[in-house]
Amino acid sequence: MIHIRLPYLFALLTLFSSNLLLAENSTSISGYTIHHNALSTEMLLPEVAKAYGIKRSRQRALLNISVIKDESGTAGTALTADITVKATNLIGQLKEIKLREVREGDAIYYIGDFPVANRERVNFILSVKPEGAKRSYTAKLNQEFYID
């Protein structure tokens, strides 16, 4: 089992790709990059889950979103954003995901956890309005979860 430690938990969520870790998913639009990932909360170390108030379980998943303002020659600047999530599985059941903001130094993340079943594929449609933007942008992500 792979475990992730504080304080760089959420930065790591956007870097790795495998069934146990994460595929990086991002959407680039009009000067912004929206990073979005989902994973089983069982992957989190107990102290990480406790620090963020997340229940570790095979039957729970975590959605992680960050918004970066693109700036030439830099990694960009993290922004606050108004984000809404519509998440459904393949049979159309809605998943309620309440996001909360997490700040770690200059990083800003939005996380929310939710229940999942084995081999459940969840499709996420994100509506993201970055701080200072005049409009919202749409990003999409889908993830299949394995709990056995």
C-alpha atoms as a PDB file:
ATOM      1  CA  MET A   1       0.000   0.000   0.000  1.00  0.00           C
ATOM      2  CA  ILE A   2       1.300   3.445  -0.900  1.00  0.00           C
ATOM      3  CA  HIS A   3       0.897   6.169   1.705  1.00  0.00           C
ATOM      4  CA  ILE A   4       1.368   9.896   1.350  1.00  0.00           C
ATOM      5  CA  ARG A   5       2.671  12.213   4.101  1.00  0.00           C
ATOM      6  CA  LEU A   6       1.995  15.851   5.019  1.00  0.00           C
ATOM      7  CA  PRO A   7       2.598  18.640   4.073  1.00  0.00           C
ATOM      8  CA  TYR A   8       2.866  18.024   0.349  1.00  0.00           C
ATOM      9  CA  LEU A   9      -0.076  15.644   0.041  1.00  0.00           C
ATOM     10  CA  PHE A  10      -2.082  17.635  -2.444  1.00  0.00           C
ATOM     11  CA  ALA A  11       0.859  18.725  -4.570  1.00  0.00           C
ATOM     12  CA  LEU A  12       1.694  15.051  -5.017  1.00  0.00           C
ATOM     13  CA  LEU A  13      -1.853  14.314  -6.164  1.00  0.00           C
ATOM     14  CA  THR A  14      -1.189  16.036  -9.459  1.00  0.00           C
ATOM     15  CA  LEU A  15       2.200  14.461 -10.194  1.00  0.00           C
ATOM     16  CA  PHE A  16       1.860  10.685 -10.353  1.00  0.00           C
ATOM     17  CA  SER A  17       0.201   8.111 -12.572  1.00  0.00           C
ATOM     18  CA  SER A  18      -0.752   4.518 -11.749  1.00  0.00           C
ATOM     19  CA  ASN A  19      -3.676   2.568 -10.411  1.00  0.00           C
ATOM     20  CA  LEU A  20      -2.441   3.060  -6.844  1.00  0.00           C
ATOM     21  CA  LEU A  21      -1.313   6.622  -7.280  1.00  0.00           C
ATOM     22  CA  LEU A  22      -3.045   9.044  -9.615  1.00  0.00           C
ATOM     23  CA  ALA A  23      -3.243  10.023 -13.210  1.00  0.00           C
ATOM     24  CA  GLU A  24      -2.628  13.707 -13.604  1.00  0.00           C
ATOM     25  CA  ASN A  25      -5.632  15.413 -15.047  1.00  0.00           C
ATOM     26  CA  SER A  26      -5.703  19.038 -15.958  1.00  0.00           C
ATOM     27  CA  THR A  27      -7.683  21.361 -18.151  1.00  0.00           C
ATOM     28  CA  SER A  28      -6.020  24.435 -19.659  1.00  0.00           C
ATOM     29  CA  ILE A  29      -8.314  27.283 -20.637  1.00  0.00           C
ATOM     30  CA  SER A  30      -7.908  31.018 -21.254  1.00  0.00           C
ATOM     31  CA  GLY A  31      -4.843  31.613 -19.080  1.00  0.00           C
ATOM     32  CA  TYR A  32      -5.717  29.130 -16.339  1.00  0.00           C
ATOM     33  CA  THR A  33      -4.911  25.502 -15.588  1.00  0.00           C
ATOM     34  CA  ILE A  34      -7.370  23.514 -13.516  1.00  0.00           C
ATOM     35  CA  HIS A  35      -5.777  20.444 -11.908  1.00  0.00           C
ATOM     36  CA  HIS A  36      -8.268  17.758 -10.883  1.00  0.00           C
ATOM     37  CA  ASN A  37      -7.795  14.269  -9.447  1.00  0.00           C
ATOM     38  CA  ALA A  38      -9.700  11.627  -7.532  1.00  0.00           C
ATOM     39  CA  LEU A  39      -8.390   8.745  -5.387  1.00  0.00           C
ATOM     40  CA  SER A  40      -9.387   6.301  -2.671  1.00  0.00           C
ATOM     41  CA  THR A  41      -9.079   7.802   0.802  1.00  0.00           C
ATOM     42  CA  GLU A  42      -7.549   4.512   1.951  1.00  0.00           C
ATOM     43  CA  MET A  43      -4.300   5.677   0.304  1.00  0.00           C
ATOM     44  CA  LEU A  44      -3.900   8.435   2.872  1.00  0.00           C
ATOM     45  CA  LEU A  45      -1.854   7.895   6.003  1.00  0.00           C
ATOM     46  CA  PRO A  46      -3.970   8.037   9.159  1.00  0.00           C
ATOM     47  CA  GLU A  47      -2.300  11.271  10.339  1.00  0.00           C
ATOM     48  CA  VAL A  48      -2.923  12.922   6.942  1.00  0.00           C
ATOM     49  CA  ALA A  49      -6.578  11.905   6.930  1.00  0.00           C
ATOM     50  CA  LYS A  50      -6.966  13.119  10.516  1.00  0.00           C
ATOM     51  CA  ALA A  51      -5.277  16.453   9.772  1.00  0.00           C
ATOM     52  CA  TYR A  52      -7.729  17.126   6.942  1.00  0.00           C
ATOM     53  CA  GLY A  53     -10.804  15.568   8.557  1.00  0.00           C
ATOM     54  CA  ILE A  54     -11.052  12.810   5.939  1.00  0.00           C
ATOM     55  CA  LYS A  55     -12.338   9.310   6.724  1.00  0.00           C
ATOM     56  CA  ARG A  56      -9.934   6.624   5.416  1.00  0.00           C
ATOM     57  CA  SER A  57     -11.874   3.850   3.736  1.00  0.00           C
ATOM     58  CA  ARG A  58     -11.912   1.659   0.659  1.00  0.00           C
ATOM     59  CA  GLN A  59     -15.486   2.818   0.153  1.00  0.00           C
ATOM     60  CA  ARG A  60     -14.643   6.543   0.113  1.00  0.00           C
ATOM     61  CA  ALA A  61     -12.901   8.659  -2.473  1.00  0.00           C
ATOM     62  CA  LEU A  62     -11.379  12.131  -2.458  1.00  0.00           C
ATOM     63  CA  LEU A  63     -11.718  14.751  -5.179  1.00  0.00           C
ATOM     64  CA  ASN A  64      -8.886  17.296  -5.305  1.00  0.00           C
ATOM     65  CA  ILE A  65      -8.970  20.478  -7.413  1.00  0.00           C
ATOM     66  CA  SER A  66      -6.568  23.397  -7.748  1.00  0.00           C
ATOM     67  CA  VAL A  67      -6.667  26.429 -10.025  1.00  0.00           C
ATOM     68  CA  ILE A  68      -3.476  28.012 -11.346  1.00  0.00           C
ATOM     69  CA  LYS A  69      -3.191  31.306 -13.209  1.00  0.00           C
ATOM     70  CA  ASP A  70      -0.731  30.669 -16.035  1.00  0.00           C
ATOM     71  CA  GLU A  71       2.260  33.005 -16.002  1.00  0.00           C
ATOM     72  CA  SER A  72       4.953  32.682 -18.646  1.00  0.00           C
ATOM     73  CA  GLY A  73       8.273  31.386 -17.331  1.00  0.00           C
ATOM     74  CA  THR A  74       6.831  30.313 -13.968  1.00  0.00           C
ATOM     75  CA  ALA A  75       4.780  27.500 -12.464  1.00  0.00           C
ATOM     76  CA  GLY A  76       1.917  29.993 -12.190  1.00  0.00           C
ATOM     77  CA  THR A  77       0.027  31.334  -9.213  1.00  0.00           C
ATOM     78  CA  ALA A  78      -2.559  29.439  -7.169  1.00  0.00           C
ATOM     79  CA  LEU A  79      -5.949  31.134  -7.101  1.00  0.00           C
ATOM     80  CA  THR A  80      -9.091  30.863  -5.070  1.00  0.00           C
ATOM     81  CA  ALA A  81     -12.123  29.922  -7.136  1.00  0.00           C
ATOM     82  CA  ASP A  82     -15.833  29.295  -6.954  1.00  0.00           C
ATOM     83  CA  ILE A  83     -16.205  25.617  -7.851  1.00  0.00           C
ATOM     84  CA  THR A  84     -19.278  23.450  -8.209  1.00  0.00           C
ATOM     85  CA  VAL A  85     -19.175  19.730  -8.930  1.00  0.00           C
ATOM     86  CA  LYS A  86     -21.687  17.526 -10.694  1.00  0.00           C
ATOM     87  CA  ALA A  87     -20.660  13.900 -10.214  1.00  0.00           C
ATOM     88  CA  THR A  88     -22.590  10.920 -11.551  1.00  0.00           C
ATOM     89  CA  ASN A  89     -21.906   7.226 -11.966  1.00  0.00           C
ATOM     90  CA  LEU A  90     -22.684   5.276 -15.142  1.00  0.00           C
ATOM     91  CA  ILE A  91     -26.289   4.616 -14.119  1.00  0.00           C
ATOM     92  CA  GLY A  92     -26.913   8.298 -13.492  1.00  0.00           C
ATOM     93  CA  GLN A  93     -26.811   8.350  -9.691  1.00  0.00           C
ATOM     94  CA  LEU A  94     -25.671  11.715  -8.390  1.00  0.00           C
ATOM     95  CA  LYS A  95     -22.766  11.895  -5.939  1.00  0.00           C
ATOM     96  CA  GLU A  96     -22.963  14.779  -3.493  1.00  0.00           C
ATOM     97  CA  ILE A  97     -19.503  16.274  -3.040  1.00  0.00           C
ATOM     98  CA  LYS A  98     -19.076  19.282  -0.777  1.00  0.00           C
ATOM     99  CA  LEU A  99     -15.756  20.988  -1.429  1.00  0.00           C
ATOM    100  CA  ARG A 100     -13.725  22.832   1.151  1.00  0.00           C
ATOM    101  CA  GLU A 101     -10.702  25.031   0.684  1.00  0.00           C
ATOM    102  CA  VAL A 102      -7.280  23.976   1.978  1.00  0.00           C
ATOM    103  CA  ARG A 103      -4.258  26.291   2.036  1.00  0.00           C
ATOM    104  CA  GLU A 104      -0.671  25.092   2.421  1.00  0.00           C
ATOM    105  CA  GLY A 105       1.775  27.958   2.027  1.00  0.00           C
ATOM    106  CA  ASP A 106       1.158  29.421  -1.428  1.00  0.00           C
ATOM    107  CA  ALA A 107      -0.920  26.418  -2.548  1.00  0.00           C
ATOM    108  CA  ILE A 108      -4.721  26.475  -2.564  1.00  0.00           C
ATOM    109  CA  TYR A 109      -6.722  23.249  -3.002  1.00  0.00           C
ATOM    110  CA  TYR A 110     -10.363  22.270  -2.900  1.00  0.00           C
ATOM    111  CA  ILE A 111     -11.145  18.814  -1.549  1.00  0.00           C
ATOM    112  CA  GLY A 112     -14.268  16.786  -0.974  1.00  0.00           C
ATOM    113  CA  ASP A 113     -14.829  13.139  -0.115  1.00  0.00           C
ATOM    114  CA  PHE A 114     -17.699  10.877  -1.099  1.00  0.00           C
ATOM    115  CA  PRO A 115     -18.761   7.195  -1.061  1.00  0.00           C
ATOM    116  CA  VAL A 116     -17.861   4.792  -3.908  1.00  0.00           C
ATOM    117  CA  ALA A 117     -18.484   1.149  -4.770  1.00  0.00           C
ATOM    118  CA  ASN A 118     -16.092  -1.372  -6.318  1.00  0.00           C
ATOM    119  CA  ARG A 119     -15.509  -0.742 -10.028  1.00  0.00           C
ATOM    120  CA  GLU A 120     -17.709   2.346  -9.909  1.00  0.00           C
ATOM    121  CA  ARG A 121     -16.853   4.863 -12.617  1.00  0.00           C
ATOM    122  CA  VAL A 122     -17.638   8.440 -11.626  1.00  0.00           C
ATOM    123  CA  ASN A 123     -17.884  11.245 -14.168  1.00  0.00           C
ATOM    124  CA  PHE A 124     -17.176  14.710 -12.799  1.00  0.00           C
ATOM    125  CA  ILE A 125     -18.184  17.975 -14.432  1.00  0.00           C
ATOM    126  CA  LEU A 126     -16.536  20.932 -12.722  1.00  0.00           C
ATOM    127  CA  SER A 127     -17.724  24.506 -13.083  1.00  0.00           C
ATOM    128  CA  VAL A 128     -14.806  26.730 -12.090  1.00  0.00           C
ATOM    129  CA  LYS A 129     -14.772  30.513 -11.783  1.00  0.00           C
ATOM    130  CA  PRO A 130     -11.217  31.581 -10.878  1.00  0.00           C
ATOM    131  CA  GLU A 131     -10.692  34.619  -8.671  1.00  0.00           C
ATOM    132  CA  GLY A 132     -10.837  37.699 -10.903  1.00  0.00           C
ATOM    133  CA  ALA A 133     -12.326  35.858 -13.900  1.00  0.00           C
ATOM    134  CA  LYS A 134     -15.423  37.209 -15.578  1.00  0.00           C
ATOM    135  CA  ARG A 135     -16.858  33.784 -16.343  1.00  0.00           C
ATOM    136  CA  SER A 136     -16.875  30.152 -15.279  1.00  0.00           C
ATOM    137  CA  TYR A 137     -15.052  27.394 -17.144  1.00  0.00           C
ATOM    138  CA  THR A 138     -15.906  23.709 -17.436  1.00  0.00           C
ATOM    139  CA  ALA A 139     -13.492  20.864 -16.751  1.00  0.00           C
ATOM    140  CA  LYS A 140     -14.262  17.148 -16.941  1.00  0.00           C
ATOM    141  CA  LEU A 141     -12.754  14.145 -15.229  1.00  0.00           C
ATOM    142  CA  ASN A 142     -13.728  10.507 -14.892  1.00  0.00           C
ATOM    143  CA  GLN A 143     -12.307   7.912 -12.559  1.00  0.00           C
ATOM    144  CA  GLU A 144     -12.997   4.250 -11.879  1.00  0.00           C
ATOM    145  CA  PHE A 145     -12.563   3.133  -8.276  1.00  0.00           C
ATOM    146  CA  TYR A 146     -11.482  -0.329  -7.122  1.00  0.00           C
ATOM    147  CA  ILE A 147     -12.113  -1.287  -3.510  1.00  0.00           C
ATOM    148  CA  ASP A 148     -11.418  -5.040  -3.478  1.00  0.00           C
END
